[in-house]
Amino acid sequence: MSVESLPDFTQPARERWDTIPAKIRQGLLENVWCGHCRQAVTITNFSGAMKKGALLLVGKCGECHGDVARLIEAP
């Protein structure tokens, strides 16, 4: 999934995501911890929502396809 194609973002999450430079967004997507693989992986098939002021990405591990999440705190 490309960084620019985000079908399942809430509006507030989309607005927050759009404030992050594209190069940094790509780095965030490629550096998500997978507890099963026990390493940093790329998140796939993800969605985004705001939770307590932070952007939460929830999706699948690019390696094992297990559930992963990435929390991006407000600056």
Protein backbone atom coordinates (compact mmCIF):
# COMPACT_ATOMS: atom_id res chain seq x y z
CA MET A 1 0.00 0.00 0.00
CA SER A 2 1.42 3.38 -0.89
CA VAL A 3 1.72 6.15 1.64
CA GLU A 4 -0.69 8.29 -0.38
CA SER A 5 -3.44 5.63 -0.53
CA LEU A 6 -5.20 5.55 2.86
CA PRO A 7 -8.75 4.30 2.48
CA ASP A 8 -9.54 3.68 6.15
CA PHE A 9 -8.36 6.82 7.96
CA THR A 10 -10.74 8.86 10.07
CA GLN A 11 -10.82 12.52 9.04
CA PRO A 12 -8.82 13.72 12.10
CA ALA A 13 -6.27 10.94 11.54
CA ARG A 14 -5.95 11.87 7.87
CA GLU A 15 -5.40 15.53 8.78
CA ARG A 16 -2.67 14.57 11.28
CA TRP A 17 -1.04 12.14 8.80
CA ASP A 18 -0.96 14.85 6.14
CA THR A 19 1.11 17.10 8.44
CA ILE A 20 3.94 14.55 8.45
CA PRO A 21 6.43 14.89 5.56
CA ALA A 22 6.19 12.01 3.04
CA LYS A 23 9.74 10.77 3.70
CA ILE A 24 9.06 10.53 7.43
CA ARG A 25 5.69 8.82 6.82
CA GLN A 26 7.43 6.16 4.75
CA GLY A 27 9.98 5.62 7.52
CA LEU A 28 7.22 5.24 10.11
CA LEU A 29 5.49 2.60 7.98
CA GLU A 30 8.72 0.67 7.49
CA ASN A 31 9.63 0.64 11.18
CA VAL A 32 6.80 -1.08 13.08
CA TRP A 33 7.57 -3.65 15.77
CA CYS A 34 6.11 -7.13 15.29
CA GLY A 35 5.99 -9.17 18.48
CA HIS A 36 5.76 -12.43 16.56
CA CYS A 37 8.69 -11.76 14.22
CA ARG A 38 10.52 -9.96 17.04
CA GLN A 39 11.85 -7.30 14.70
CA ALA A 40 10.90 -4.09 12.94
CA VAL A 41 8.74 -4.73 9.88
CA THR A 42 6.66 -2.84 7.33
CA ILE A 43 2.99 -2.38 8.22
CA THR A 44 0.51 -3.31 5.47
CA ASN A 45 -3.27 -3.05 5.07
CA PHE A 46 -3.37 -0.39 7.75
CA SER A 47 -5.97 2.05 8.97
CA GLY A 48 -5.60 5.11 11.15
CA ALA A 49 -7.50 6.81 13.95
CA MET A 50 -6.77 9.38 16.62
CA LYS A 51 -6.60 8.03 20.18
CA LYS A 52 -6.05 10.45 23.08
CA GLY A 53 -4.33 12.96 20.80
CA ALA A 54 -2.02 10.42 19.13
CA LEU A 55 -2.29 8.87 15.68
CA LEU A 56 -2.75 5.10 15.88
CA LEU A 57 -1.99 2.96 12.83
CA VAL A 58 -3.34 -0.59 12.97
CA GLY A 59 -2.57 -3.17 10.30
CA LYS A 60 -0.72 -6.33 9.36
CA CYS A 61 2.95 -7.33 9.54
CA GLY A 62 4.55 -7.38 6.11
CA GLU A 63 6.38 -10.61 7.05
CA CYS A 64 4.05 -12.90 9.03
CA HIS A 65 0.75 -11.05 8.39
CA GLY A 66 0.03 -10.90 12.12
CA ASP A 67 -1.56 -7.86 13.76
CA VAL A 68 0.70 -4.86 14.40
CA ALA A 69 0.19 -1.26 15.47
CA ARG A 70 2.20 1.97 15.50
CA LEU A 71 1.44 4.90 17.79
CA ILE A 72 2.59 8.31 16.56
CA GLU A 73 2.47 10.82 19.38
CA ALA A 74 1.67 14.47 18.80
CA PRO A 75 4.72 16.71 18.34
